[in-house]
Amino acid sequence: MTLKKPRSKSATVAATYRTDLGLILNWLKLNKAITAHGAIREIRNDLHAVSVKSKVNKMELNNLVKDRFGVFAKVI
């Protein structure tokens, strides 16, 4: 019997504007998709990101974000 490592439950959510990222975090909290998040940081002049600990895998998290916010946000 081999033990598999659990899939990573941490992800980075990125958006163009800090306010968009705040809305995304609130949406994910309301849907109980994340347990915690870090501080919002600026990656480049036109991109902000935040690290999140999720209850779902990255693909499901990506689907939630893309369904609601479309091209304005992405899960890395």
C-alpha atoms as a PDB file:
ATOM      1  CA  MET A   1       0.000   0.000   0.000  1.00  0.00           C
ATOM      2  CA  THR A   2       1.406   3.359  -1.022  1.00  0.00           C
ATOM      3  CA  LEU A   3       0.451   6.650   0.465  1.00  0.00           C
ATOM      4  CA  LYS A   4      -0.204   9.459  -1.970  1.00  0.00           C
ATOM      5  CA  LYS A   5       0.534  13.053  -1.156  1.00  0.00           C
ATOM      6  CA  PRO A   6      -2.607  15.130  -0.990  1.00  0.00           C
ATOM      7  CA  ARG A   7      -3.037  17.647  -3.763  1.00  0.00           C
ATOM      8  CA  SER A   8      -1.877  21.115  -2.964  1.00  0.00           C
ATOM      9  CA  LYS A   9      -4.599  23.222  -1.407  1.00  0.00           C
ATOM     10  CA  SER A  10      -2.726  26.492  -1.844  1.00  0.00           C
ATOM     11  CA  ALA A  11      -3.089  28.697  -4.893  1.00  0.00           C
ATOM     12  CA  THR A  12      -2.506  32.250  -6.036  1.00  0.00           C
ATOM     13  CA  VAL A  13      -5.350  34.371  -7.334  1.00  0.00           C
ATOM     14  CA  ALA A  14      -4.381  37.292  -9.576  1.00  0.00           C
ATOM     15  CA  ALA A  15      -6.361  40.253 -10.907  1.00  0.00           C
ATOM     16  CA  THR A  16      -5.641  43.588 -12.536  1.00  0.00           C
ATOM     17  CA  TYR A  17      -7.096  45.777  -9.795  1.00  0.00           C
ATOM     18  CA  ARG A  18      -6.891  45.506  -6.020  1.00  0.00           C
ATOM     19  CA  THR A  19     -10.640  46.150  -5.705  1.00  0.00           C
ATOM     20  CA  ASP A  20     -11.408  43.269  -8.093  1.00  0.00           C
ATOM     21  CA  LEU A  21      -9.245  41.008  -5.973  1.00  0.00           C
ATOM     22  CA  GLY A  22     -11.166  42.050  -2.858  1.00  0.00           C
ATOM     23  CA  LEU A  23     -14.453  41.141  -4.545  1.00  0.00           C
ATOM     24  CA  ILE A  24     -13.021  37.794  -5.626  1.00  0.00           C
ATOM     25  CA  LEU A  25     -11.880  36.990  -2.076  1.00  0.00           C
ATOM     26  CA  ASN A  26     -15.310  37.865  -0.671  1.00  0.00           C
ATOM     27  CA  TRP A  27     -16.988  35.692  -3.324  1.00  0.00           C
ATOM     28  CA  LEU A  28     -14.735  32.735  -2.510  1.00  0.00           C
ATOM     29  CA  LYS A  29     -15.381  33.145   1.239  1.00  0.00           C
ATOM     30  CA  LEU A  30     -19.149  33.219   0.697  1.00  0.00           C
ATOM     31  CA  ASN A  31     -18.938  30.024  -1.348  1.00  0.00           C
ATOM     32  CA  LYS A  32     -16.755  28.444   1.359  1.00  0.00           C
ATOM     33  CA  ALA A  33     -14.051  27.693  -1.185  1.00  0.00           C
ATOM     34  CA  ILE A  34     -11.160  29.179   0.828  1.00  0.00           C
ATOM     35  CA  THR A  35     -10.137  28.922   4.453  1.00  0.00           C
ATOM     36  CA  ALA A  36      -7.542  31.700   4.612  1.00  0.00           C
ATOM     37  CA  HIS A  37      -5.754  34.246   2.479  1.00  0.00           C
ATOM     38  CA  GLY A  38      -2.631  36.341   2.715  1.00  0.00           C
ATOM     39  CA  ALA A  39      -2.033  39.998   2.063  1.00  0.00           C
ATOM     40  CA  ILE A  40      -2.696  41.457  -1.374  1.00  0.00           C
ATOM     41  CA  ARG A  41       0.585  42.250  -3.085  1.00  0.00           C
ATOM     42  CA  GLU A  42       1.480  44.010  -6.312  1.00  0.00           C
ATOM     43  CA  ILE A  43       3.373  41.756  -8.712  1.00  0.00           C
ATOM     44  CA  ARG A  44       3.754  44.242 -11.544  1.00  0.00           C
ATOM     45  CA  ASN A  45       2.316  47.672 -12.198  1.00  0.00           C
ATOM     46  CA  ASP A  46      -0.769  46.088 -13.746  1.00  0.00           C
ATOM     47  CA  LEU A  47      -1.231  42.907 -11.676  1.00  0.00           C
ATOM     48  CA  HIS A  48      -2.113  42.190  -8.041  1.00  0.00           C
ATOM     49  CA  ALA A  49      -2.070  38.769  -6.396  1.00  0.00           C
ATOM     50  CA  VAL A  50      -2.932  37.017  -3.156  1.00  0.00           C
ATOM     51  CA  SER A  51      -2.136  33.538  -1.833  1.00  0.00           C
ATOM     52  CA  VAL A  52      -5.107  31.501  -0.644  1.00  0.00           C
ATOM     53  CA  LYS A  53      -5.608  28.209   1.177  1.00  0.00           C
ATOM     54  CA  SER A  54      -8.539  26.458  -0.409  1.00  0.00           C
ATOM     55  CA  LYS A  55     -10.915  23.677   0.538  1.00  0.00           C
ATOM     56  CA  VAL A  56     -11.146  22.588  -3.114  1.00  0.00           C
ATOM     57  CA  ASN A  57      -8.471  21.772  -5.651  1.00  0.00           C
ATOM     58  CA  LYS A  58      -7.055  24.341  -8.056  1.00  0.00           C
ATOM     59  CA  MET A  59      -9.231  23.296 -10.988  1.00  0.00           C
ATOM     60  CA  GLU A  60     -12.459  23.728  -9.022  1.00  0.00           C
ATOM     61  CA  LEU A  61     -11.191  27.034  -7.632  1.00  0.00           C
ATOM     62  CA  ASN A  62     -10.337  28.178 -11.153  1.00  0.00           C
ATOM     63  CA  ASN A  63     -13.812  27.201 -12.369  1.00  0.00           C
ATOM     64  CA  LEU A  64     -15.469  29.176  -9.557  1.00  0.00           C
ATOM     65  CA  VAL A  65     -13.405  32.275 -10.310  1.00  0.00           C
ATOM     66  CA  LYS A  66     -13.816  32.043 -14.100  1.00  0.00           C
ATOM     67  CA  ASP A  67     -17.588  31.465 -13.906  1.00  0.00           C
ATOM     68  CA  ARG A  68     -18.129  34.593 -11.846  1.00  0.00           C
ATOM     69  CA  PHE A  69     -15.354  36.969 -12.956  1.00  0.00           C
ATOM     70  CA  GLY A  70     -14.312  35.717 -16.409  1.00  0.00           C
ATOM     71  CA  VAL A  71     -11.190  37.284 -17.859  1.00  0.00           C
ATOM     72  CA  PHE A  72     -10.730  39.745 -14.973  1.00  0.00           C
ATOM     73  CA  ALA A  73      -9.087  37.147 -12.715  1.00  0.00           C
ATOM     74  CA  LYS A  74      -7.061  33.962 -12.904  1.00  0.00           C
ATOM     75  CA  VAL A  75      -5.838  31.234 -10.577  1.00  0.00           C
ATOM     76  CA  ILE A  76      -2.137  30.500 -10.823  1.00  0.00           C
END
